[in-house]
């Protein structure tokens, strides 16, 4: 087993393409995941075990959102756990590529954890709104449901676009990564979304920030669906 520095260098050479990745994931989450992957490698963890560590941090944070009264202390703890969970979510794939121990089971587990995360994060916000929100109107309870719909449809449609695009004959070659696109994708990045939980200590500010992100993610969903439909239609034979 090589030194941590050697492992980190090998991990830097085992990165996925930066195409379609926001600046946060490219310059914050992936490097953090690389450090965690190196630590996991030194500790002898498997990629699937790292995925479960990611789930532990993420789901514990979401349970806290649903069950604990909002406060600044809760805000810091929840954000820290979500950010660490997201970094471990990057680390599992990096570790799999480094060790060659990835497989369909690991990819399946990773997607199951991610799907559960997208459902639970907005469910937790809904429960928090209901239990602690002192909402101006009960209509605010519809906001997490709408946000959840946008998030889950984006996730599932993106996966299908990737799988169907790979399966189609004559699929177009990937375009090079664009810094402008990486910047434009920032509002849709899960890591950026997690920042809103730093506002949990100020319920009104949290509601406003969450509502803005819900609108932004809905607009991104409309843009993504249009783009992916056109790309897949272009892959039709004949």
C-alpha atoms as a PDB file:
ATOM      1  CA  UNK A   1       0.000   0.000   0.000  1.00  0.00           C
ATOM      2  CA  UNK A   2       1.579   3.298  -1.113  1.00  0.00           C
ATOM      3  CA  UNK A   3       1.858   6.524   0.829  1.00  0.00           C
ATOM      4  CA  UNK A   4      -1.071   8.922   1.048  1.00  0.00           C
ATOM      5  CA  UNK A   5       0.711  11.287  -1.380  1.00  0.00           C
ATOM      6  CA  UNK A   6       1.128   8.474  -3.904  1.00  0.00           C
ATOM      7  CA  UNK A   7      -2.514   7.465  -3.554  1.00  0.00           C
ATOM      8  CA  UNK A   8      -3.650  11.067  -4.077  1.00  0.00           C
ATOM      9  CA  UNK A   9      -1.566  11.326  -7.258  1.00  0.00           C
ATOM     10  CA  UNK A  10      -3.096   8.110  -8.558  1.00  0.00           C
ATOM     11  CA  UNK A  11      -6.572   9.370  -7.699  1.00  0.00           C
ATOM     12  CA  UNK A  12      -5.961  12.597  -9.615  1.00  0.00           C
ATOM     13  CA  UNK A  13      -5.365  10.446 -12.677  1.00  0.00           C
ATOM     14  CA  UNK A  14      -8.562   8.452 -12.113  1.00  0.00           C
ATOM     15  CA  UNK A  15     -11.103  11.277 -12.349  1.00  0.00           C
ATOM     16  CA  UNK A  16     -14.291  11.255 -14.385  1.00  0.00           C
ATOM     17  CA  UNK A  17     -14.794  13.791 -17.131  1.00  0.00           C
ATOM     18  CA  UNK A  18     -15.501  17.346 -15.977  1.00  0.00           C
ATOM     19  CA  UNK A  19     -18.186  17.740 -18.665  1.00  0.00           C
ATOM     20  CA  UNK A  20     -21.545  18.678 -17.136  1.00  0.00           C
ATOM     21  CA  UNK A  21     -19.987  19.263 -13.710  1.00  0.00           C
ATOM     22  CA  UNK A  22     -20.361  22.567 -11.868  1.00  0.00           C
ATOM     23  CA  UNK A  23     -17.485  24.571 -10.431  1.00  0.00           C
ATOM     24  CA  UNK A  24     -18.414  23.448  -6.907  1.00  0.00           C
ATOM     25  CA  UNK A  25     -18.180  19.769  -7.730  1.00  0.00           C
ATOM     26  CA  UNK A  26     -15.056  20.263  -9.825  1.00  0.00           C
ATOM     27  CA  UNK A  27     -13.040  22.399  -7.415  1.00  0.00           C
ATOM     28  CA  UNK A  28     -14.545  21.641  -3.992  1.00  0.00           C
ATOM     29  CA  UNK A  29     -16.387  18.323  -3.798  1.00  0.00           C
ATOM     30  CA  UNK A  30     -14.187  16.181  -6.009  1.00  0.00           C
ATOM     31  CA  UNK A  31     -10.920  17.311  -4.351  1.00  0.00           C
ATOM     32  CA  UNK A  32     -12.496  16.719  -0.909  1.00  0.00           C
ATOM     33  CA  UNK A  33     -13.683  13.321  -2.108  1.00  0.00           C
ATOM     34  CA  UNK A  34     -10.181  12.563  -3.341  1.00  0.00           C
ATOM     35  CA  UNK A  35      -8.759  13.118   0.147  1.00  0.00           C
ATOM     36  CA  UNK A  36     -11.486  10.942   1.679  1.00  0.00           C
ATOM     37  CA  UNK A  37     -10.926   8.248  -0.956  1.00  0.00           C
ATOM     38  CA  UNK A  38      -7.215   8.208  -0.125  1.00  0.00           C
ATOM     39  CA  UNK A  39      -8.049   7.833   3.566  1.00  0.00           C
ATOM     40  CA  UNK A  40     -10.552   5.075   2.807  1.00  0.00           C
ATOM     41  CA  UNK A  41      -7.974   3.267   0.690  1.00  0.00           C
ATOM     42  CA  UNK A  42      -5.426   3.437   3.497  1.00  0.00           C
ATOM     43  CA  UNK A  43      -8.069   2.159   5.930  1.00  0.00           C
ATOM     44  CA  UNK A  44      -8.916  -0.780   3.662  1.00  0.00           C
ATOM     45  CA  UNK A  45     -12.523   0.245   3.037  1.00  0.00           C
ATOM     46  CA  UNK A  46     -14.374  -0.929  -0.064  1.00  0.00           C
ATOM     47  CA  UNK A  47     -16.238   1.492  -2.379  1.00  0.00           C
ATOM     48  CA  UNK A  48     -19.578   0.131  -1.156  1.00  0.00           C
ATOM     49  CA  UNK A  49     -18.596   0.763   2.450  1.00  0.00           C
ATOM     50  CA  UNK A  50     -17.711   4.354   1.533  1.00  0.00           C
ATOM     51  CA  UNK A  51     -21.157   4.701  -0.074  1.00  0.00           C
ATOM     52  CA  UNK A  52     -22.735   3.578   3.192  1.00  0.00           C
ATOM     53  CA  UNK A  53     -20.628   6.100   5.140  1.00  0.00           C
ATOM     54  CA  UNK A  54     -21.962   8.788   2.789  1.00  0.00           C
ATOM     55  CA  UNK A  55     -25.508   7.610   3.479  1.00  0.00           C
ATOM     56  CA  UNK A  56     -24.900   7.648   7.248  1.00  0.00           C
ATOM     57  CA  UNK A  57     -23.811  11.300   7.285  1.00  0.00           C
ATOM     58  CA  UNK A  58     -26.507  12.415   4.856  1.00  0.00           C
ATOM     59  CA  UNK A  59     -29.470  10.591   6.360  1.00  0.00           C
ATOM     60  CA  UNK A  60     -28.491  11.538   9.916  1.00  0.00           C
ATOM     61  CA  UNK A  61     -28.456  15.197   8.881  1.00  0.00           C
ATOM     62  CA  UNK A  62     -31.869  14.903   7.240  1.00  0.00           C
ATOM     63  CA  UNK A  63     -33.331  13.173  10.296  1.00  0.00           C
ATOM     64  CA  UNK A  64     -32.062  16.088  12.383  1.00  0.00           C
ATOM     65  CA  UNK A  65     -33.788  18.589  10.070  1.00  0.00           C
ATOM     66  CA  UNK A  66     -37.091  16.751  10.504  1.00  0.00           C
ATOM     67  CA  UNK A  67     -36.873  16.090  14.241  1.00  0.00           C
ATOM     68  CA  UNK A  68     -34.973  18.995  15.821  1.00  0.00           C
ATOM     69  CA  UNK A  69     -36.154  22.562  16.241  1.00  0.00           C
ATOM     70  CA  UNK A  70     -34.253  24.885  13.888  1.00  0.00           C
ATOM     71  CA  UNK A  71     -31.318  26.774  15.416  1.00  0.00           C
ATOM     72  CA  UNK A  72     -27.939  28.108  14.355  1.00  0.00           C
ATOM     73  CA  UNK A  73     -26.232  25.140  16.001  1.00  0.00           C
ATOM     74  CA  UNK A  74     -28.457  22.760  14.057  1.00  0.00           C
ATOM     75  CA  UNK A  75     -27.741  24.726  10.878  1.00  0.00           C
ATOM     76  CA  UNK A  76     -23.973  24.261  11.221  1.00  0.00           C
ATOM     77  CA  UNK A  77     -24.227  20.575  12.151  1.00  0.00           C
ATOM     78  CA  UNK A  78     -26.649  19.778   9.328  1.00  0.00           C
ATOM     79  CA  UNK A  79     -24.613  21.593   6.708  1.00  0.00           C
ATOM     80  CA  UNK A  80     -21.369  19.958   7.863  1.00  0.00           C
ATOM     81  CA  UNK A  81     -22.920  16.481   7.749  1.00  0.00           C
ATOM     82  CA  UNK A  82     -24.492  17.065   4.322  1.00  0.00           C
ATOM     83  CA  UNK A  83     -21.223  18.421   2.890  1.00  0.00           C
ATOM     84  CA  UNK A  84     -19.235  15.497   4.299  1.00  0.00           C
ATOM     85  CA  UNK A  85     -21.819  13.040   3.002  1.00  0.00           C
ATOM     86  CA  UNK A  86     -21.613  14.606  -0.451  1.00  0.00           C
ATOM     87  CA  UNK A  87     -17.804  14.395  -0.404  1.00  0.00           C
ATOM     88  CA  UNK A  88     -17.991  10.700   0.517  1.00  0.00           C
ATOM     89  CA  UNK A  89     -20.472  10.323  -2.373  1.00  0.00           C
ATOM     90  CA  UNK A  90     -17.656  11.452  -4.659  1.00  0.00           C
ATOM     91  CA  UNK A  91     -15.059   9.354  -2.824  1.00  0.00           C
ATOM     92  CA  UNK A  92     -16.766   6.015  -3.442  1.00  0.00           C
ATOM     93  CA  UNK A  93     -16.505   6.312  -7.225  1.00  0.00           C
ATOM     94  CA  UNK A  94     -12.934   7.567  -7.048  1.00  0.00           C
ATOM     95  CA  UNK A  95     -11.965   4.659  -4.817  1.00  0.00           C
ATOM     96  CA  UNK A  96     -13.677   2.219  -7.187  1.00  0.00           C
ATOM     97  CA  UNK A  97     -11.698   3.539 -10.156  1.00  0.00           C
ATOM     98  CA  UNK A  98      -8.447   3.463  -8.182  1.00  0.00           C
ATOM     99  CA  UNK A  99      -8.863  -0.116  -6.976  1.00  0.00           C
ATOM    100  CA  UNK A 100     -10.750  -1.536  -9.954  1.00  0.00           C
ATOM    101  CA  UNK A 101     -13.340  -2.864  -7.503  1.00  0.00           C
ATOM    102  CA  UNK A 102     -16.308  -1.052  -8.975  1.00  0.00           C
ATOM    103  CA  UNK A 103     -19.195  -2.946 -10.509  1.00  0.00           C
ATOM    104  CA  UNK A 104     -22.920  -2.896 -11.233  1.00  0.00           C
ATOM    105  CA  UNK A 105     -23.690  -3.579  -7.578  1.00  0.00           C
ATOM    106  CA  UNK A 106     -21.750  -0.512  -6.455  1.00  0.00           C
ATOM    107  CA  UNK A 107     -23.296   1.701  -9.109  1.00  0.00           C
ATOM    108  CA  UNK A 108     -26.748   0.451  -8.129  1.00  0.00           C
ATOM    109  CA  UNK A 109     -26.126   1.083  -4.435  1.00  0.00           C
ATOM    110  CA  UNK A 110     -24.815   4.576  -5.144  1.00  0.00           C
ATOM    111  CA  UNK A 111     -27.890   5.474  -7.179  1.00  0.00           C
ATOM    112  CA  UNK A 112     -30.242   4.033  -4.552  1.00  0.00           C
ATOM    113  CA  UNK A 113     -28.600   6.156  -1.842  1.00  0.00           C
ATOM    114  CA  UNK A 114     -28.729   9.238  -4.088  1.00  0.00           C
ATOM    115  CA  UNK A 115     -32.402   8.694  -4.930  1.00  0.00           C
ATOM    116  CA  UNK A 116     -33.267   8.246  -1.261  1.00  0.00           C
ATOM    117  CA  UNK A 117     -31.358  11.427  -0.455  1.00  0.00           C
ATOM    118  CA  UNK A 118     -33.323  13.481  -2.982  1.00  0.00           C
ATOM    119  CA  UNK A 119     -36.636  12.221  -1.631  1.00  0.00           C
ATOM    120  CA  UNK A 120     -35.728  12.559   2.037  1.00  0.00           C
ATOM    121  CA  UNK A 121     -34.151  16.020   1.921  1.00  0.00           C
ATOM    122  CA  UNK A 122     -37.393  17.638   0.795  1.00  0.00           C
ATOM    123  CA  UNK A 123     -39.496  15.378   3.010  1.00  0.00           C
ATOM    124  CA  UNK A 124     -37.398  16.551   5.975  1.00  0.00           C
ATOM    125  CA  UNK A 125     -37.976  20.191   5.014  1.00  0.00           C
ATOM    126  CA  UNK A 126     -41.718  19.525   4.720  1.00  0.00           C
ATOM    127  CA  UNK A 127     -41.799  17.976   8.192  1.00  0.00           C
ATOM    128  CA  UNK A 128     -39.752  20.846   9.623  1.00  0.00           C
ATOM    129  CA  UNK A 129     -42.095  23.389   8.037  1.00  0.00           C
ATOM    130  CA  UNK A 130     -45.103  21.585   9.505  1.00  0.00           C
ATOM    131  CA  UNK A 131     -43.661  21.105  12.999  1.00  0.00           C
ATOM    132  CA  UNK A 132     -41.635  24.270  13.556  1.00  0.00           C
ATOM    133  CA  UNK A 133     -42.211  26.675  10.658  1.00  0.00           C
ATOM    134  CA  UNK A 134     -44.961  29.007  11.912  1.00  0.00           C
ATOM    135  CA  UNK A 135     -45.740  29.466   8.230  1.00  0.00           C
ATOM    136  CA  UNK A 136     -47.477  32.564   6.841  1.00  0.00           C
ATOM    137  CA  UNK A 137     -49.774  30.187   4.962  1.00  0.00           C
ATOM    138  CA  UNK A 138     -50.338  26.439   4.704  1.00  0.00           C
ATOM    139  CA  UNK A 139     -49.558  26.825   0.999  1.00  0.00           C
ATOM    140  CA  UNK A 140     -45.868  26.802   1.954  1.00  0.00           C
ATOM    141  CA  UNK A 141     -46.259  23.067   2.632  1.00  0.00           C
ATOM    142  CA  UNK A 142     -46.654  22.556  -1.113  1.00  0.00           C
ATOM    143  CA  UNK A 143     -43.203  24.027  -1.802  1.00  0.00           C
ATOM    144  CA  UNK A 144     -41.130  21.018  -0.643  1.00  0.00           C
ATOM    145  CA  UNK A 145     -43.422  18.692  -2.613  1.00  0.00           C
ATOM    146  CA  UNK A 146     -42.877  20.701  -5.792  1.00  0.00           C
ATOM    147  CA  UNK A 147     -39.127  20.907  -5.179  1.00  0.00           C
ATOM    148  CA  UNK A 148     -39.033  17.164  -4.556  1.00  0.00           C
ATOM    149  CA  UNK A 149     -40.820  16.513  -7.847  1.00  0.00           C
ATOM    150  CA  UNK A 150     -38.348  18.670  -9.775  1.00  0.00           C
ATOM    151  CA  UNK A 151     -35.344  17.039  -8.084  1.00  0.00           C
ATOM    152  CA  UNK A 152     -36.471  13.437  -8.593  1.00  0.00           C
ATOM    153  CA  UNK A 153     -37.540  13.953 -12.219  1.00  0.00           C
ATOM    154  CA  UNK A 154     -34.224  15.660 -12.998  1.00  0.00           C
ATOM    155  CA  UNK A 155     -32.293  12.791 -11.398  1.00  0.00           C
ATOM    156  CA  UNK A 156     -34.248  10.005 -13.121  1.00  0.00           C
ATOM    157  CA  UNK A 157     -34.393  11.731 -16.505  1.00  0.00           C
ATOM    158  CA  UNK A 158     -30.651  12.422 -16.367  1.00  0.00           C
ATOM    159  CA  UNK A 159     -29.878   8.781 -15.613  1.00  0.00           C
ATOM    160  CA  UNK A 160     -32.098   7.629 -18.465  1.00  0.00           C
ATOM    161  CA  UNK A 161     -30.473  10.119 -20.831  1.00  0.00           C
ATOM    162  CA  UNK A 162     -27.051   8.745 -19.930  1.00  0.00           C
ATOM    163  CA  UNK A 163     -28.048   5.081 -20.252  1.00  0.00           C
ATOM    164  CA  UNK A 164     -30.056   5.464 -23.451  1.00  0.00           C
ATOM    165  CA  UNK A 165     -27.381   7.684 -24.991  1.00  0.00           C
ATOM    166  CA  UNK A 166     -24.698   5.070 -24.338  1.00  0.00           C
ATOM    167  CA  UNK A 167     -26.878   2.298 -25.718  1.00  0.00           C
ATOM    168  CA  UNK A 168     -27.757   4.128 -28.937  1.00  0.00           C
ATOM    169  CA  UNK A 169     -25.607   3.460 -31.974  1.00  0.00           C
ATOM    170  CA  UNK A 170     -23.738   6.468 -33.253  1.00  0.00           C
ATOM    171  CA  UNK A 171     -24.025   8.446 -30.020  1.00  0.00           C
ATOM    172  CA  UNK A 172     -22.283  11.822 -30.360  1.00  0.00           C
ATOM    173  CA  UNK A 173     -18.840  12.278 -28.825  1.00  0.00           C
ATOM    174  CA  UNK A 174     -18.695  14.190 -25.579  1.00  0.00           C
ATOM    175  CA  UNK A 175     -17.992  17.892 -25.917  1.00  0.00           C
ATOM    176  CA  UNK A 176     -15.062  19.337 -23.964  1.00  0.00           C
ATOM    177  CA  UNK A 177     -15.732  20.709 -20.496  1.00  0.00           C
ATOM    178  CA  UNK A 178     -16.652  24.401 -20.472  1.00  0.00           C
ATOM    179  CA  UNK A 179     -15.842  26.791 -17.630  1.00  0.00           C
ATOM    180  CA  UNK A 180     -18.861  28.928 -18.552  1.00  0.00           C
ATOM    181  CA  UNK A 181     -21.152  25.921 -18.407  1.00  0.00           C
ATOM    182  CA  UNK A 182     -19.580  24.830 -15.117  1.00  0.00           C
ATOM    183  CA  UNK A 183     -20.363  28.272 -13.688  1.00  0.00           C
ATOM    184  CA  UNK A 184     -23.922  28.251 -15.056  1.00  0.00           C
ATOM    185  CA  UNK A 185     -24.579  24.867 -13.429  1.00  0.00           C
ATOM    186  CA  UNK A 186     -23.699  26.107  -9.935  1.00  0.00           C
ATOM    187  CA  UNK A 187     -27.329  26.781  -8.855  1.00  0.00           C
ATOM    188  CA  UNK A 188     -28.266  23.200  -9.790  1.00  0.00           C
ATOM    189  CA  UNK A 189     -25.399  21.590  -7.871  1.00  0.00           C
ATOM    190  CA  UNK A 190     -26.398  19.581  -4.785  1.00  0.00           C
ATOM    191  CA  UNK A 191     -23.416  20.974  -2.881  1.00  0.00           C
ATOM    192  CA  UNK A 192     -24.604  24.528  -3.499  1.00  0.00           C
ATOM    193  CA  UNK A 193     -28.148  23.532  -2.528  1.00  0.00           C
ATOM    194  CA  UNK A 194     -26.827  22.273   0.829  1.00  0.00           C
ATOM    195  CA  UNK A 195     -25.658  25.816   1.653  1.00  0.00           C
ATOM    196  CA  UNK A 196     -29.266  26.868   2.232  1.00  0.00           C
ATOM    197  CA  UNK A 197     -29.305  24.796   5.421  1.00  0.00           C
ATOM    198  CA  UNK A 198     -26.873  27.287   6.956  1.00  0.00           C
ATOM    199  CA  UNK A 199     -29.951  29.529   7.201  1.00  0.00           C
ATOM    200  CA  UNK A 200     -31.916  27.124   9.404  1.00  0.00           C
ATOM    201  CA  UNK A 201     -31.383  29.418  12.394  1.00  0.00           C
ATOM    202  CA  UNK A 202     -33.475  32.103  10.652  1.00  0.00           C
ATOM    203  CA  UNK A 203     -36.657  30.351   9.459  1.00  0.00           C
ATOM    204  CA  UNK A 204     -37.832  33.232   7.286  1.00  0.00           C
ATOM    205  CA  UNK A 205     -34.488  33.479   5.499  1.00  0.00           C
ATOM    206  CA  UNK A 206     -34.383  29.712   5.092  1.00  0.00           C
ATOM    207  CA  UNK A 207     -37.859  29.661   3.536  1.00  0.00           C
ATOM    208  CA  UNK A 208     -36.903  32.449   1.137  1.00  0.00           C
ATOM    209  CA  UNK A 209     -33.623  30.811   0.115  1.00  0.00           C
ATOM    210  CA  UNK A 210     -35.291  27.425  -0.281  1.00  0.00           C
ATOM    211  CA  UNK A 211     -38.066  28.954  -2.410  1.00  0.00           C
ATOM    212  CA  UNK A 212     -35.549  30.678  -4.696  1.00  0.00           C
ATOM    213  CA  UNK A 213     -33.674  27.405  -5.181  1.00  0.00           C
ATOM    214  CA  UNK A 214     -36.949  25.600  -5.901  1.00  0.00           C
ATOM    215  CA  UNK A 215     -37.716  28.042  -8.706  1.00  0.00           C
ATOM    216  CA  UNK A 216     -34.181  27.795 -10.087  1.00  0.00           C
ATOM    217  CA  UNK A 217     -34.212  23.980 -10.054  1.00  0.00           C
ATOM    218  CA  UNK A 218     -37.608  23.947 -11.797  1.00  0.00           C
ATOM    219  CA  UNK A 219     -36.246  26.188 -14.546  1.00  0.00           C
ATOM    220  CA  UNK A 220     -33.189  23.956 -14.891  1.00  0.00           C
ATOM    221  CA  UNK A 221     -35.486  20.927 -15.123  1.00  0.00           C
ATOM    222  CA  UNK A 222     -37.375  22.485 -18.039  1.00  0.00           C
ATOM    223  CA  UNK A 223     -34.089  23.302 -19.794  1.00  0.00           C
ATOM    224  CA  UNK A 224     -32.609  19.844 -19.158  1.00  0.00           C
ATOM    225  CA  UNK A 225     -35.710  17.995 -20.343  1.00  0.00           C
ATOM    226  CA  UNK A 226     -35.793  19.985 -23.570  1.00  0.00           C
ATOM    227  CA  UNK A 227     -32.067  19.411 -24.181  1.00  0.00           C
ATOM    228  CA  UNK A 228     -32.110  15.698 -23.376  1.00  0.00           C
ATOM    229  CA  UNK A 229     -35.217  15.043 -25.482  1.00  0.00           C
ATOM    230  CA  UNK A 230     -33.615  16.724 -28.496  1.00  0.00           C
ATOM    231  CA  UNK A 231     -30.361  14.800 -27.997  1.00  0.00           C
ATOM    232  CA  UNK A 232     -32.122  11.452 -27.776  1.00  0.00           C
ATOM    233  CA  UNK A 233     -34.353  12.257 -30.735  1.00  0.00           C
ATOM    234  CA  UNK A 234     -31.211  12.979 -32.770  1.00  0.00           C
ATOM    235  CA  UNK A 235     -29.999   9.414 -32.029  1.00  0.00           C
ATOM    236  CA  UNK A 236     -32.969   7.836 -33.804  1.00  0.00           C
ATOM    237  CA  UNK A 237     -31.828   5.504 -36.598  1.00  0.00           C
ATOM    238  CA  UNK A 238     -32.497   6.781 -40.098  1.00  0.00           C
END
